[in-house]
N, C-alpha and C. Protein backbone atom coordinates (compact mmCIF):
# COMPACT_ATOMS: atom_id res chain seq x y z
N MET A 1 96.26 158.42 147.63
CA MET A 1 95.19 156.63 148.57
C MET A 1 95.13 157.42 149.41
N THR A 2 93.33 156.64 149.46
CA THR A 2 92.59 156.98 150.66
C THR A 2 92.99 155.90 151.51
N ALA A 3 93.46 156.10 152.97
CA ALA A 3 93.76 154.86 153.61
C ALA A 3 92.30 154.56 154.55
N PRO A 4 92.39 153.26 154.43
CA PRO A 4 90.85 152.46 155.35
C PRO A 4 91.01 152.75 156.82
N SER A 5 90.14 152.42 157.64
CA SER A 5 89.92 152.87 159.13
C SER A 5 90.67 151.32 159.50
N THR A 6 91.49 151.69 160.32
CA THR A 6 91.97 150.35 161.02
C THR A 6 91.23 150.21 162.55
N PHE A 7 90.28 150.81 162.96
CA PHE A 7 90.21 151.23 163.82
C PHE A 7 88.96 149.74 164.31
N GLY A 8 89.45 149.45 165.98
CA GLY A 8 88.87 148.39 166.38
C GLY A 8 89.35 146.83 165.82
N LEU A 9 90.90 147.37 164.61
CA LEU A 9 90.92 145.73 163.68
C LEU A 9 92.23 145.10 165.42
N SER A 10 92.44 143.67 164.74
CA SER A 10 93.60 143.41 166.01
C SER A 10 94.92 144.15 165.01
N SER A 11 95.71 144.17 165.93
CA SER A 11 97.16 144.38 165.62
C SER A 11 97.87 143.47 164.18
N GLU A 12 97.24 142.23 164.13
CA GLU A 12 97.66 142.11 162.70
C GLU A 12 97.05 142.08 161.47
N ALA A 13 95.75 142.64 161.55
CA ALA A 13 95.06 143.35 160.86
C ALA A 13 95.56 144.89 160.81
N ARG A 14 96.22 145.30 161.46
CA ARG A 14 96.44 146.89 161.05
C ARG A 14 98.22 146.93 160.69
N ASN A 15 98.96 145.68 160.82
CA ASN A 15 100.62 145.69 160.19
C ASN A 15 100.32 145.20 158.93
N LEU A 16 98.89 144.46 158.28
CA LEU A 16 98.91 144.44 157.27
C LEU A 16 98.73 145.34 156.52
N HIS A 17 97.50 145.90 157.13
CA HIS A 17 97.20 147.53 156.04
C HIS A 17 98.03 148.26 156.10
N TRP A 18 98.82 148.79 157.13
CA TRP A 18 100.20 149.24 157.15
C TRP A 18 101.65 148.60 156.24
N LEU A 19 101.00 147.40 156.43
CA LEU A 19 102.49 146.89 154.79
C LEU A 19 101.97 146.88 153.48
N LEU A 20 100.48 147.30 153.44
CA LEU A 20 100.08 147.60 152.75
C LEU A 20 100.11 148.78 151.60
N THR A 21 100.11 149.72 152.60
CA THR A 21 100.08 151.34 152.35
C THR A 21 101.55 151.14 152.17
N ASN A 22 102.35 150.89 152.74
CA ASN A 22 103.80 151.06 152.50
C ASN A 22 104.13 150.97 151.38
N LEU A 23 103.67 149.93 150.68
CA LEU A 23 103.90 149.16 149.10
C LEU A 23 103.63 150.04 148.67
N VAL A 24 102.37 150.75 148.43
CA VAL A 24 102.09 151.39 147.30
C VAL A 24 102.34 152.82 147.31
N GLU A 25 102.55 153.46 148.94
CA GLU A 25 103.55 154.86 149.21
C GLU A 25 105.25 154.93 148.75
N GLU A 26 105.61 153.31 148.62
CA GLU A 26 107.41 153.28 148.69
C GLU A 26 107.58 152.86 147.38
N VAL A 27 106.96 152.24 146.70
CA VAL A 27 107.24 151.81 145.36
C VAL A 27 106.46 152.73 143.82
N PRO A 28 107.25 153.10 142.94
CA PRO A 28 107.10 154.37 142.23
C PRO A 28 106.00 153.37 140.80
N GLY A 29 105.30 153.57 140.54
CA GLY A 29 104.80 152.91 139.67
C GLY A 29 103.33 152.05 139.98
N ILE A 30 102.99 152.02 141.23
CA ILE A 30 101.95 151.11 141.67
C ILE A 30 101.24 152.15 141.60
N GLN A 31 100.02 151.60 140.85
CA GLN A 31 98.68 151.96 140.91
C GLN A 31 97.66 151.87 141.88
N SER A 32 97.70 150.26 142.17
CA SER A 32 96.43 149.55 142.80
C SER A 32 97.28 148.16 143.37
N VAL A 33 96.43 148.07 144.26
CA VAL A 33 97.01 146.51 145.14
C VAL A 33 96.08 146.26 146.07
N ALA A 34 95.61 145.07 145.50
CA ALA A 34 95.07 144.04 146.56
C ALA A 34 95.51 142.54 146.68
N VAL A 35 94.46 141.95 148.29
CA VAL A 35 95.01 140.92 148.56
C VAL A 35 93.95 140.33 148.62
N VAL A 36 93.91 138.97 148.01
CA VAL A 36 92.66 138.16 147.65
C VAL A 36 92.53 136.56 148.45
N SER A 37 91.32 136.49 148.88
CA SER A 37 91.48 135.05 149.65
C SER A 37 91.99 133.51 148.51
N SER A 38 92.26 132.40 149.08
CA SER A 38 91.65 131.40 147.84
C SER A 38 90.52 131.65 147.25
N ASP A 39 89.37 131.59 147.80
CA ASP A 39 88.09 131.75 147.01
C ASP A 39 87.90 132.84 146.34
N GLY A 40 88.47 133.57 145.98
CA GLY A 40 88.70 134.79 145.25
C GLY A 40 87.89 135.97 145.96
N LEU A 41 87.94 136.12 147.07
CA LEU A 41 87.19 137.72 148.03
C LEU A 41 88.57 138.19 148.24
N LEU A 42 87.95 139.61 147.99
CA LEU A 42 88.95 140.55 148.48
C LEU A 42 89.04 140.87 149.81
N LEU A 43 90.26 140.70 150.74
CA LEU A 43 90.82 140.90 151.92
C LEU A 43 91.56 142.19 152.03
N LEU A 44 92.15 142.86 151.60
CA LEU A 44 92.99 144.19 151.59
C LEU A 44 92.58 144.71 149.75
N SER A 45 92.48 146.20 150.09
CA SER A 45 92.81 146.30 149.08
C SER A 45 93.43 148.29 149.57
N SER A 46 94.23 148.50 148.18
CA SER A 46 95.30 149.71 148.30
C SER A 46 94.38 150.92 148.96
N ASP A 47 93.12 150.94 147.89
CA ASP A 47 92.25 152.16 148.02
C ASP A 47 90.90 151.62 148.29
N PRO A 48 90.24 151.06 148.94
CA PRO A 48 88.70 150.39 149.08
C PRO A 48 87.84 151.94 148.61
N GLY A 49 87.93 153.18 148.83
CA GLY A 49 87.06 154.28 147.80
C GLY A 49 87.23 154.33 146.22
N ARG A 50 87.66 153.40 145.49
CA ARG A 50 87.68 153.42 144.30
C ARG A 50 86.73 152.35 144.09
N ASN A 51 86.41 151.50 144.75
CA ASN A 51 84.87 151.24 144.32
C ASN A 51 83.91 151.62 144.19
N ASP A 52 83.47 152.35 144.78
CA ASP A 52 82.58 153.75 143.94
C ASP A 52 82.53 154.49 143.23
N ALA A 53 84.04 154.55 142.73
CA ALA A 53 84.04 155.50 141.95
C ALA A 53 84.35 154.93 140.67
N ALA A 54 84.21 153.57 140.69
CA ALA A 54 84.63 152.90 139.29
C ALA A 54 83.02 152.48 139.23
N ARG A 55 82.24 152.40 140.37
CA ARG A 55 80.89 151.89 140.09
C ARG A 55 80.28 153.33 139.16
N GLN A 56 80.08 154.44 139.53
CA GLN A 56 79.60 155.31 139.08
C GLN A 56 80.10 155.61 137.90
N THR A 57 81.82 155.22 137.70
CA THR A 57 82.05 155.51 136.17
C THR A 57 81.29 154.59 135.25
N MET A 58 81.50 153.02 135.57
CA MET A 58 80.43 151.79 134.97
C MET A 58 79.39 152.17 134.86
N GLU A 59 78.50 152.85 135.24
CA GLU A 59 76.95 153.40 135.40
C GLU A 59 77.07 154.79 134.01
N ALA A 60 78.32 155.41 134.04
CA ALA A 60 78.05 156.36 133.03
C ALA A 60 78.28 155.92 131.92
N LYS A 61 79.11 155.26 131.58
CA LYS A 61 79.57 154.30 130.19
C LYS A 61 80.02 153.11 130.41
N PRO A 62 79.01 152.03 130.10
CA PRO A 62 79.84 150.73 130.70
C PRO A 62 80.54 150.04 129.74
N THR A 63 82.00 150.39 129.45
CA THR A 63 83.16 150.32 128.64
C THR A 63 83.71 149.38 129.24
N GLY A 64 83.50 148.35 130.52
CA GLY A 64 84.34 147.57 131.25
C GLY A 64 85.18 148.02 132.38
N PRO A 65 85.20 147.26 133.11
CA PRO A 65 86.45 147.63 134.81
C PRO A 65 87.28 148.26 134.83
N ARG A 66 87.52 149.15 135.32
CA ARG A 66 88.44 150.45 135.11
C ARG A 66 88.68 150.68 136.47
N GLY A 67 89.77 150.35 137.41
CA GLY A 67 90.56 151.34 138.76
C GLY A 67 89.25 150.71 139.96
N SER A 68 88.23 149.66 140.08
CA SER A 68 87.89 149.16 140.79
C SER A 68 88.92 148.11 142.02
N ALA A 69 88.93 148.30 143.17
CA ALA A 69 89.81 147.38 143.98
C ALA A 69 88.91 145.98 143.37
N ALA A 70 87.76 146.07 143.53
CA ALA A 70 87.24 144.71 143.29
C ALA A 70 87.30 144.05 141.83
N ASP A 71 87.92 144.96 141.04
CA ASP A 71 87.66 144.00 139.38
C ASP A 71 89.26 144.13 139.73
N LEU A 72 90.38 144.41 140.43
CA LEU A 72 91.70 143.78 140.20
C LEU A 72 91.54 142.65 141.21
N ALA A 73 90.61 142.60 141.93
CA ALA A 73 90.68 141.48 142.70
C ALA A 73 89.92 140.09 142.10
N THR A 74 89.45 140.34 140.99
CA THR A 74 88.73 139.26 140.15
C THR A 74 89.38 139.12 139.31
N ILE A 75 90.48 139.85 139.21
CA ILE A 75 91.36 139.59 137.23
C ILE A 75 92.57 138.71 138.43
N VAL A 76 93.45 139.10 139.33
CA VAL A 76 93.75 138.44 140.36
C VAL A 76 93.24 137.12 140.65
N SER A 77 92.63 136.69 141.30
CA SER A 77 91.95 135.91 141.24
C SER A 77 92.06 134.94 139.74
N GLY A 78 91.55 135.38 139.02
CA GLY A 78 91.14 134.64 137.47
C GLY A 78 92.55 133.80 137.17
N ILE A 79 93.76 135.03 137.32
CA ILE A 79 95.17 134.21 136.66
C ILE A 79 95.68 133.52 137.53
N GLY A 80 94.92 134.00 138.92
CA GLY A 80 96.09 132.78 139.56
C GLY A 80 95.73 131.50 138.97
N SER A 81 94.47 131.19 139.51
CA SER A 81 93.49 129.77 139.23
C SER A 81 94.37 129.19 137.68
N LEU A 82 94.34 130.00 136.66
CA LEU A 82 94.53 129.73 135.48
C LEU A 82 96.26 129.61 135.47
N THR A 83 96.78 130.15 136.43
CA THR A 83 98.63 129.27 136.21
C THR A 83 98.46 128.43 137.23
N ILE A 84 97.59 128.38 138.38
CA ILE A 84 97.40 126.79 139.35
C ILE A 84 97.24 126.21 138.62
N GLY A 85 96.34 126.30 137.93
CA GLY A 85 96.35 124.40 136.96
C GLY A 85 97.02 124.45 135.78
N ALA A 86 97.53 125.78 135.14
CA ALA A 86 98.72 125.43 134.21
C ALA A 86 99.98 124.37 134.31
N ALA A 87 100.24 125.02 136.09
CA ALA A 87 101.38 124.44 136.60
C ALA A 87 101.42 122.76 137.33
N LYS A 88 99.84 122.93 137.45
CA LYS A 88 99.52 121.26 138.05
C LYS A 88 99.97 120.57 136.10
N LEU A 89 99.26 120.64 135.45
CA LEU A 89 98.72 119.98 134.16
C LEU A 89 100.70 120.11 133.66
N MET A 90 101.59 120.92 133.93
CA MET A 90 103.14 120.76 133.26
C MET A 90 103.77 119.75 134.53
N GLU A 91 103.22 119.61 135.78
CA GLU A 91 103.74 119.33 136.88
C GLU A 91 105.52 119.93 137.24
N PHE A 92 104.82 121.04 137.20
CA PHE A 92 106.80 122.20 137.94
C PHE A 92 106.43 122.37 139.10
N GLY A 93 105.27 121.65 140.13
CA GLY A 93 104.89 122.36 141.26
C GLY A 93 104.08 123.53 141.05
N GLY A 94 104.46 124.13 142.41
CA GLY A 94 103.69 125.33 142.78
C GLY A 94 104.17 126.76 141.81
N VAL A 95 103.09 127.44 142.09
CA VAL A 95 103.63 129.38 141.02
C VAL A 95 103.56 130.07 142.49
N LYS A 96 104.72 130.59 142.14
CA LYS A 96 105.55 131.70 142.58
C LYS A 96 105.11 132.83 142.43
N HIS A 97 105.22 133.64 141.06
CA HIS A 97 104.50 134.36 140.51
C HIS A 97 104.17 134.62 139.08
N THR A 98 103.14 135.51 138.38
CA THR A 98 102.95 135.90 137.40
C THR A 98 103.07 137.30 137.24
N MET A 99 103.29 137.60 136.39
CA MET A 99 103.78 138.89 135.55
C MET A 99 102.85 139.08 133.83
N VAL A 100 102.11 139.81 133.81
CA VAL A 100 101.16 139.97 132.69
C VAL A 100 102.04 141.61 132.46
N ALA A 101 102.49 141.90 131.12
CA ALA A 101 103.45 142.88 130.56
C ALA A 101 102.27 143.80 129.42
N MET A 102 101.87 144.67 129.44
CA MET A 102 100.76 145.16 128.71
C MET A 102 101.70 146.52 127.80
N ASP A 103 100.80 147.06 126.96
CA ASP A 103 101.15 148.68 126.51
C ASP A 103 100.90 149.41 127.34
N GLU A 104 99.90 149.70 128.20
CA GLU A 104 99.76 150.31 129.39
C GLU A 104 100.22 150.47 130.53
N GLY A 105 101.01 149.14 130.94
CA GLY A 105 100.83 148.80 132.26
C GLY A 105 101.26 147.49 132.91
N SER A 106 101.38 147.02 133.87
CA SER A 106 101.59 145.63 134.14
C SER A 106 101.32 145.13 135.18
N LEU A 107 100.38 143.83 135.34
CA LEU A 107 100.08 143.35 136.32
C LEU A 107 100.75 142.33 136.89
N PHE A 108 100.86 141.81 138.32
CA PHE A 108 101.78 141.23 138.95
C PHE A 108 101.38 140.34 139.84
N VAL A 109 101.19 139.08 139.86
CA VAL A 109 100.50 138.20 140.88
C VAL A 109 101.20 137.82 141.83
N MET A 110 101.06 137.24 142.97
CA MET A 110 101.97 136.66 143.80
C MET A 110 101.27 135.96 144.90
N SER A 111 101.70 134.38 145.23
CA SER A 111 101.04 133.93 145.98
C SER A 111 101.88 134.09 147.54
N ILE A 112 100.72 134.24 148.15
CA ILE A 112 100.61 134.55 149.73
C ILE A 112 100.99 133.15 150.21
N SER A 113 100.24 133.02 151.12
CA SER A 113 100.03 131.53 151.58
C SER A 113 98.37 131.07 151.32
N ASP A 114 98.44 129.84 152.04
CA ASP A 114 97.37 129.14 151.54
C ASP A 114 96.30 129.52 150.68
N GLY A 115 97.14 129.82 149.43
CA GLY A 115 96.39 130.22 148.34
C GLY A 115 95.99 131.55 147.70
N SER A 116 95.99 132.61 149.12
CA SER A 116 96.14 133.91 149.09
C SER A 116 97.06 134.46 147.80
N LEU A 117 96.55 135.55 147.25
CA LEU A 117 97.54 135.99 146.47
C LEU A 117 97.52 137.41 146.52
N LEU A 118 98.77 138.04 146.00
CA LEU A 118 98.89 139.80 146.10
C LEU A 118 98.73 139.95 145.08
N GLY A 119 97.95 140.77 144.33
CA GLY A 119 98.02 141.40 143.19
C GLY A 119 98.52 143.00 142.93
N VAL A 120 98.77 143.39 142.00
CA VAL A 120 99.56 144.97 141.95
C VAL A 120 99.65 145.20 140.15
N HIS A 121 98.85 146.18 140.20
CA HIS A 121 98.55 146.71 139.13
C HIS A 121 99.81 147.94 138.73
N GLY A 122 100.50 147.90 138.11
CA GLY A 122 101.77 149.00 137.49
C GLY A 122 101.73 149.56 136.20
N SER A 123 102.14 151.16 136.54
CA SER A 123 101.87 151.72 135.15
C SER A 123 102.86 151.08 134.24
N ALA A 124 103.07 151.47 132.74
CA ALA A 124 103.43 151.39 131.96
C ALA A 124 105.05 151.71 132.41
N ASP A 125 105.47 152.69 133.22
CA ASP A 125 106.50 153.15 133.31
C ASP A 125 107.31 152.62 134.54
N CYS A 126 106.89 151.28 135.19
CA CYS A 126 107.42 151.30 136.94
C CYS A 126 108.59 150.09 135.92
N ASP A 127 109.38 150.11 137.05
CA ASP A 127 110.69 149.12 137.16
C ASP A 127 110.01 147.37 138.00
N MET A 128 109.79 146.63 136.83
CA MET A 128 109.10 145.34 137.43
C MET A 128 110.15 144.70 138.51
N ASN A 129 111.77 145.05 138.28
CA ASN A 129 112.30 144.43 139.48
C ASN A 129 111.75 144.85 140.91
N VAL A 130 111.65 146.45 140.52
CA VAL A 130 112.01 146.87 141.97
C VAL A 130 109.87 146.40 142.55
N VAL A 131 109.37 146.58 141.52
CA VAL A 131 107.79 146.25 142.09
C VAL A 131 107.89 144.65 142.75
N ALA A 132 108.60 143.50 141.81
CA ALA A 132 108.44 142.26 142.08
C ALA A 132 109.67 142.04 143.42
N TYR A 133 110.55 143.03 143.63
CA TYR A 133 111.03 142.74 145.16
C TYR A 133 110.32 143.12 146.14
N HIS A 134 109.36 144.09 146.18
CA HIS A 134 109.05 144.66 147.12
C HIS A 134 107.54 143.85 147.32
N MET A 135 106.63 142.98 146.40
CA MET A 135 106.10 142.18 146.94
C MET A 135 106.36 141.12 147.26
N ALA A 136 108.32 140.67 146.76
CA ALA A 136 108.65 139.33 147.86
C ALA A 136 108.48 139.67 149.40
N LEU A 137 109.14 141.23 149.41
CA LEU A 137 109.10 141.41 150.77
C LEU A 137 107.46 141.54 151.81
N PHE A 138 106.74 141.93 151.13
CA PHE A 138 105.18 142.53 151.40
C PHE A 138 105.04 140.61 151.80
N VAL A 139 105.13 139.65 150.67
CA VAL A 139 104.72 138.57 151.12
C VAL A 139 105.50 137.00 152.21
N GLY A 140 106.78 138.09 152.04
CA GLY A 140 107.31 137.62 153.39
C GLY A 140 107.01 138.00 154.81
N ARG A 141 107.00 139.00 154.60
CA ARG A 141 106.65 139.82 156.55
C ARG A 141 104.62 138.94 156.48
N ALA A 142 104.27 139.01 155.67
CA ALA A 142 102.36 139.11 155.58
C ALA A 142 102.37 137.52 155.80
N GLY A 143 102.74 136.79 155.05
CA GLY A 143 102.53 135.06 155.09
C GLY A 143 102.23 134.27 155.56
N HIS A 144 102.81 134.73 157.27
CA HIS A 144 102.95 134.15 158.31
C HIS A 144 101.72 134.85 158.85
N VAL A 145 101.41 135.54 158.79
CA VAL A 145 100.53 136.15 159.93
C VAL A 145 98.63 135.85 159.15
N LEU A 146 99.01 135.46 157.80
CA LEU A 146 97.34 135.18 157.23
C LEU A 146 97.28 134.65 157.27
N THR A 147 96.42 133.91 158.55
CA THR A 147 95.58 133.09 158.64
C THR A 147 94.28 132.90 158.50
N PRO A 148 93.36 131.85 158.97
CA PRO A 148 91.99 131.82 158.65
C PRO A 148 91.51 133.06 159.23
N GLU A 149 91.58 133.23 160.40
CA GLU A 149 90.87 133.97 161.70
C GLU A 149 91.26 135.74 161.13
N LEU A 150 92.44 135.74 160.54
CA LEU A 150 93.04 136.84 160.13
C LEU A 150 92.10 137.37 158.98
N ARG A 151 92.39 136.37 157.26
CA ARG A 151 91.14 136.49 156.63
C ARG A 151 90.21 136.91 156.52
N THR A 152 89.22 136.56 157.76
CA THR A 152 87.97 136.35 158.13
C THR A 152 87.44 137.79 158.55
N GLU A 153 88.91 138.48 159.76
CA GLU A 153 88.84 139.57 160.45
C GLU A 153 88.94 140.46 159.01
N LEU A 154 89.35 140.40 158.10
CA LEU A 154 89.97 141.12 157.23
C LEU A 154 88.46 141.51 156.16
N ARG A 155 88.13 140.31 155.56
CA ARG A 155 87.09 140.49 154.95
C ARG A 155 85.63 141.00 155.61
N LYS A 156 85.28 141.13 156.39
CA LYS A 156 84.43 141.38 157.49
C LYS A 156 84.34 142.86 157.56
N SER A 157 85.66 143.36 157.86
CA SER A 157 86.07 144.67 157.64
C SER A 157 86.21 145.13 156.87
N LEU A 158 86.28 145.03 155.40
CA LEU A 158 85.89 144.97 154.07
C LEU A 158 84.53 145.46 153.48
N GLU A 159 83.99 144.57 153.90
CA GLU A 159 82.48 144.53 153.73
C GLU A 159 81.87 145.70 154.72
N SER A 160 82.15 145.68 156.06
CA SER A 160 81.44 147.11 156.57
C SER A 160 81.91 147.75 156.30
N GLU A 161 83.23 148.52 155.49
CA GLU A 161 83.31 149.36 155.13
C GLU A 161 82.54 150.20 153.96
N THR A 162 82.40 149.35 152.79
CA THR A 162 81.58 148.76 151.72
C THR A 162 80.30 149.39 151.87
N ALA A 163 79.71 148.58 153.12
CA ALA A 163 78.22 149.56 153.78
C ALA A 163 77.99 150.37 154.56
N GLY A 164 78.94 150.87 155.07
CA GLY A 164 79.28 152.31 155.09
C GLY A 164 79.33 153.45 154.10
N SER A 165 79.47 152.81 153.30
CA SER A 165 80.14 153.73 152.00
C SER A 165 78.98 154.45 151.14
N SER A 166 77.77 153.43 151.30
CA SER A 166 77.09 152.68 150.16
C SER A 166 76.03 153.72 150.98
N ARG A 167 75.46 153.62 152.18
CA ARG A 167 74.75 154.85 152.92
C ARG A 167 74.44 156.19 152.38
């Protein structure tokens, strides 16, 4: 994992970066993580450098999204919207978490706060209970600090990082 630069960020933003890095490094089987705002924008990623690699792969053979943090954010946002809509139709209250088990891996989506979502892409052999537990810890620690101001700071940081890597 390539750690994003946290130079110039507030202590809350640095803490969220640390929590995300810790989640990926401590939980076996996690391949990538994305924190997405309520409007579907990527706020934090476990490996922002993967965006460039994914773009190069897509240009070489356009078989679909694979590996990009931006792609994970798009998927997490879509699944989040779908499950929120389903919960409203069923009148069962808010969505706490969603899990999609596939042959070659798993996708976990958990609500953080104000519509923000935590998405985790896990390998086929990850322990789903351990991943869900650590996601809940992350949400509990991050939820109260993910204010509109911090979301704006994280988004601007990610945009400047992406602009800097494309030069």
